[in-house]
Each structure stands twice: as structure tokens, then as C-alpha cells.
Amino acid sequence: MLTMTVPAQFETQLRHIAEIEKTPTNDLIDMALATFIEDYLDSKAIKETWQAVERGEEKLLTMAEVKRRLDELDN
């Protein structure tokens, strides 16, 4: 288990939000960490994909190309 110290400013804001949402502060912290981790992993995947595009290993498609290819799959 990880223990952390929350700065007073954040603690006050968390308690306020917890009261409004009628949710324990621990649940809010869990949600915030889950969102941070998901965003971090998404960002990392985007960076890796962009690097693959720059190396010529991946290709970007326009929305028109994507729609055309999807239409071809339907036929």
C-alpha cells in the first residue's frame, strides 16, 4: 500500500468536492490516480505511434480515406 501526503490546498478542495459528490475522499483520489495513469499511458502510446510514423513504419490516413476503407469493408 502506498501512503502519500496531500498538500493542504488539495486536501481542502478534495473535502469540498467529496461533500458535494457525497463520495469519500479516498474514492476521489483513486479516480484521480486512475485518470492520470490512463492519460499517461495514452500519451505514451501516442508518442510511440507518432515516432513510428516519423520512421515510416506507420501511415496516417485522412478521414476520407478511413471512411472509404470502411465502406469497402461493408461491400
N, C-alpha and C. Protein backbone atom coordinates (compact mmCIF):
# COMPACT_ATOMS: atom_id res chain seq x y z
N MET A 1 0.85 -1.18 0.00
CA MET A 1 0.00 0.00 0.00
C MET A 1 0.89 1.24 0.00
N LEU A 2 0.48 2.21 -0.75
CA LEU A 2 1.20 3.47 -0.88
C LEU A 2 0.56 4.51 0.01
N THR A 3 1.39 5.26 0.69
CA THR A 3 0.89 6.36 1.53
C THR A 3 1.45 7.66 0.97
N MET A 4 0.61 8.69 0.97
CA MET A 4 1.09 9.96 0.44
C MET A 4 0.59 11.12 1.31
N THR A 5 1.31 12.21 1.27
CA THR A 5 0.91 13.42 1.95
C THR A 5 0.28 14.34 0.92
N VAL A 6 -0.92 14.80 1.20
CA VAL A 6 -1.64 15.68 0.28
C VAL A 6 -1.46 17.11 0.78
N PRO A 7 -1.00 18.02 -0.09
CA PRO A 7 -0.87 19.42 0.33
C PRO A 7 -2.22 19.96 0.85
N ALA A 8 -2.15 20.85 1.81
CA ALA A 8 -3.35 21.38 2.46
C ALA A 8 -4.36 21.93 1.45
N GLN A 9 -3.87 22.61 0.43
CA GLN A 9 -4.75 23.19 -0.59
C GLN A 9 -5.57 22.09 -1.26
N PHE A 10 -4.92 21.00 -1.64
CA PHE A 10 -5.63 19.90 -2.28
C PHE A 10 -6.57 19.20 -1.32
N GLU A 11 -6.14 19.06 -0.09
CA GLU A 11 -7.00 18.41 0.91
C GLU A 11 -8.30 19.19 1.09
N THR A 12 -8.20 20.50 1.17
CA THR A 12 -9.39 21.34 1.31
C THR A 12 -10.30 21.17 0.11
N GLN A 13 -9.73 21.22 -1.08
CA GLN A 13 -10.52 21.06 -2.29
C GLN A 13 -11.14 19.67 -2.37
N LEU A 14 -10.37 18.64 -2.02
CA LEU A 14 -10.90 17.28 -2.03
C LEU A 14 -12.07 17.12 -1.07
N ARG A 15 -11.91 17.65 0.12
CA ARG A 15 -13.01 17.55 1.10
C ARG A 15 -14.26 18.26 0.59
N HIS A 16 -14.07 19.41 -0.03
CA HIS A 16 -15.20 20.17 -0.57
C HIS A 16 -15.91 19.37 -1.68
N ILE A 17 -15.12 18.82 -2.60
CA ILE A 17 -15.70 18.02 -3.68
C ILE A 17 -16.37 16.77 -3.12
N ALA A 18 -15.75 16.15 -2.14
CA ALA A 18 -16.32 14.95 -1.53
C ALA A 18 -17.69 15.25 -0.91
N GLU A 19 -17.80 16.40 -0.29
CA GLU A 19 -19.09 16.79 0.28
C GLU A 19 -20.14 16.99 -0.81
N ILE A 20 -19.76 17.68 -1.87
CA ILE A 20 -20.69 17.93 -2.97
C ILE A 20 -21.13 16.61 -3.62
N GLU A 21 -20.17 15.74 -3.88
CA GLU A 21 -20.44 14.48 -4.58
C GLU A 21 -20.90 13.36 -3.66
N LYS A 22 -20.84 13.63 -2.35
CA LYS A 22 -21.19 12.60 -1.36
C LYS A 22 -20.38 11.32 -1.62
N THR A 23 -19.08 11.54 -1.78
CA THR A 23 -18.13 10.46 -2.08
C THR A 23 -16.94 10.58 -1.14
N PRO A 24 -16.45 9.47 -0.61
CA PRO A 24 -15.26 9.54 0.25
C PRO A 24 -14.06 10.13 -0.50
N THR A 25 -13.24 10.88 0.22
CA THR A 25 -12.06 11.49 -0.40
C THR A 25 -11.14 10.42 -0.99
N ASN A 26 -11.04 9.27 -0.35
CA ASN A 26 -10.19 8.20 -0.89
C ASN A 26 -10.66 7.77 -2.28
N ASP A 27 -11.98 7.72 -2.48
CA ASP A 27 -12.51 7.36 -3.80
C ASP A 27 -12.15 8.42 -4.83
N LEU A 28 -12.20 9.69 -4.44
CA LEU A 28 -11.82 10.76 -5.36
C LEU A 28 -10.34 10.65 -5.75
N ILE A 29 -9.51 10.35 -4.77
CA ILE A 29 -8.08 10.18 -5.03
C ILE A 29 -7.86 8.99 -5.95
N ASP A 30 -8.57 7.88 -5.71
CA ASP A 30 -8.46 6.71 -6.59
C ASP A 30 -8.85 7.06 -8.01
N MET A 31 -9.95 7.80 -8.18
CA MET A 31 -10.40 8.19 -9.52
C MET A 31 -9.37 9.10 -10.19
N ALA A 32 -8.82 10.04 -9.42
CA ALA A 32 -7.82 10.95 -9.98
C ALA A 32 -6.57 10.20 -10.43
N LEU A 33 -6.12 9.26 -9.62
CA LEU A 33 -4.94 8.48 -9.99
C LEU A 33 -5.22 7.59 -11.20
N ALA A 34 -6.40 6.99 -11.24
CA ALA A 34 -6.76 6.14 -12.38
C ALA A 34 -6.78 6.98 -13.66
N THR A 35 -7.33 8.18 -13.59
CA THR A 35 -7.38 9.07 -14.75
C THR A 35 -5.98 9.48 -15.17
N PHE A 36 -5.14 9.82 -14.20
CA PHE A 36 -3.76 10.20 -14.50
C PHE A 36 -3.02 9.06 -15.19
N ILE A 37 -3.14 7.86 -14.66
CA ILE A 37 -2.43 6.71 -15.23
C ILE A 37 -2.93 6.42 -16.64
N GLU A 38 -4.24 6.46 -16.84
CA GLU A 38 -4.81 6.23 -18.17
C GLU A 38 -4.32 7.29 -19.15
N ASP A 39 -4.33 8.56 -18.74
CA ASP A 39 -3.85 9.64 -19.61
C ASP A 39 -2.37 9.47 -19.92
N TYR A 40 -1.59 9.09 -18.92
CA TYR A 40 -0.15 8.88 -19.11
C TYR A 40 0.09 7.78 -20.14
N LEU A 41 -0.59 6.65 -19.98
CA LEU A 41 -0.40 5.54 -20.89
C LEU A 41 -0.87 5.89 -22.31
N ASP A 42 -1.98 6.62 -22.42
CA ASP A 42 -2.46 7.08 -23.73
C ASP A 42 -1.42 7.99 -24.38
N SER A 43 -0.87 8.91 -23.61
CA SER A 43 0.13 9.83 -24.11
C SER A 43 1.37 9.09 -24.60
N LYS A 44 1.78 8.10 -23.83
CA LYS A 44 2.95 7.30 -24.20
C LYS A 44 2.69 6.54 -25.50
N ALA A 45 1.50 5.96 -25.64
CA ALA A 45 1.15 5.23 -26.86
C ALA A 45 1.12 6.16 -28.06
N ILE A 46 0.58 7.36 -27.87
CA ILE A 46 0.54 8.34 -28.96
C ILE A 46 1.95 8.71 -29.39
N LYS A 47 2.82 8.96 -28.41
CA LYS A 47 4.20 9.33 -28.72
C LYS A 47 4.89 8.20 -29.49
N GLU A 48 4.70 6.96 -29.05
CA GLU A 48 5.33 5.83 -29.74
C GLU A 48 4.78 5.67 -31.15
N THR A 49 3.48 5.86 -31.33
CA THR A 49 2.89 5.77 -32.66
C THR A 49 3.41 6.87 -33.56
N TRP A 50 3.49 8.09 -33.02
CA TRP A 50 3.99 9.21 -33.83
C TRP A 50 5.43 8.96 -34.26
N GLN A 51 6.24 8.40 -33.36
CA GLN A 51 7.63 8.08 -33.72
C GLN A 51 7.67 7.03 -34.83
N ALA A 52 6.74 6.07 -34.79
CA ALA A 52 6.67 5.06 -35.85
C ALA A 52 6.27 5.70 -37.17
N VAL A 53 5.39 6.69 -37.13
CA VAL A 53 5.01 7.42 -38.34
C VAL A 53 6.22 8.15 -38.89
N GLU A 54 6.97 8.80 -38.02
CA GLU A 54 8.15 9.54 -38.46
C GLU A 54 9.20 8.62 -39.07
N ARG A 55 9.28 7.38 -38.57
CA ARG A 55 10.24 6.41 -39.12
C ARG A 55 9.71 5.74 -40.39
N GLY A 56 8.47 6.02 -40.74
CA GLY A 56 7.86 5.42 -41.92
C GLY A 56 7.29 4.04 -41.68
N GLU A 57 7.18 3.63 -40.42
CA GLU A 57 6.65 2.30 -40.09
C GLU A 57 5.13 2.29 -39.99
N GLU A 58 4.54 3.46 -39.83
CA GLU A 58 3.09 3.61 -39.76
C GLU A 58 2.69 4.72 -40.73
N LYS A 59 1.44 4.69 -41.17
CA LYS A 59 0.97 5.69 -42.11
C LYS A 59 -0.27 6.37 -41.53
N LEU A 60 -0.35 7.69 -41.71
CA LEU A 60 -1.54 8.42 -41.31
C LEU A 60 -2.53 8.43 -42.46
N LEU A 61 -3.81 8.33 -42.12
CA LEU A 61 -4.86 8.38 -43.12
C LEU A 61 -5.76 9.57 -42.86
N THR A 62 -6.27 10.15 -43.95
CA THR A 62 -7.25 11.22 -43.78
C THR A 62 -8.59 10.58 -43.39
N MET A 63 -9.50 11.39 -42.89
CA MET A 63 -10.82 10.87 -42.53
C MET A 63 -11.52 10.31 -43.77
N ALA A 64 -11.32 10.96 -44.91
CA ALA A 64 -11.92 10.48 -46.16
C ALA A 64 -11.40 9.08 -46.50
N GLU A 65 -10.09 8.85 -46.30
CA GLU A 65 -9.53 7.53 -46.57
C GLU A 65 -10.09 6.47 -45.62
N VAL A 66 -10.23 6.85 -44.37
CA VAL A 66 -10.78 5.91 -43.38
C VAL A 66 -12.21 5.55 -43.76
N LYS A 67 -13.02 6.54 -44.10
CA LYS A 67 -14.41 6.29 -44.49
C LYS A 67 -14.48 5.41 -45.74
N ARG A 68 -13.61 5.69 -46.71
CA ARG A 68 -13.59 4.89 -47.94
C ARG A 68 -13.26 3.44 -47.62
N ARG A 69 -12.26 3.23 -46.78
CA ARG A 69 -11.87 1.86 -46.43
C ARG A 69 -12.98 1.15 -45.64
N LEU A 70 -13.65 1.87 -44.78
CA LEU A 70 -14.76 1.28 -44.04
C LEU A 70 -15.89 0.91 -44.96
N ASP A 71 -16.17 1.77 -45.94
CA ASP A 71 -17.21 1.48 -46.92
C ASP A 71 -16.85 0.24 -47.73
N GLU A 72 -15.58 0.08 -48.06
CA GLU A 72 -15.12 -1.09 -48.81
C GLU A 72 -15.34 -2.37 -47.99
N LEU A 73 -15.16 -2.29 -46.69
CA LEU A 73 -15.37 -3.45 -45.83
C LEU A 73 -16.84 -3.86 -45.78
N ASP A 74 -17.72 -2.87 -45.87
CA ASP A 74 -19.17 -3.15 -45.84
C ASP A 74 -19.65 -3.83 -47.11
N ASN A 75 -18.92 -3.63 -48.20
CA ASN A 75 -19.35 -4.19 -49.50
C ASN A 75 -18.80 -5.54 -49.74
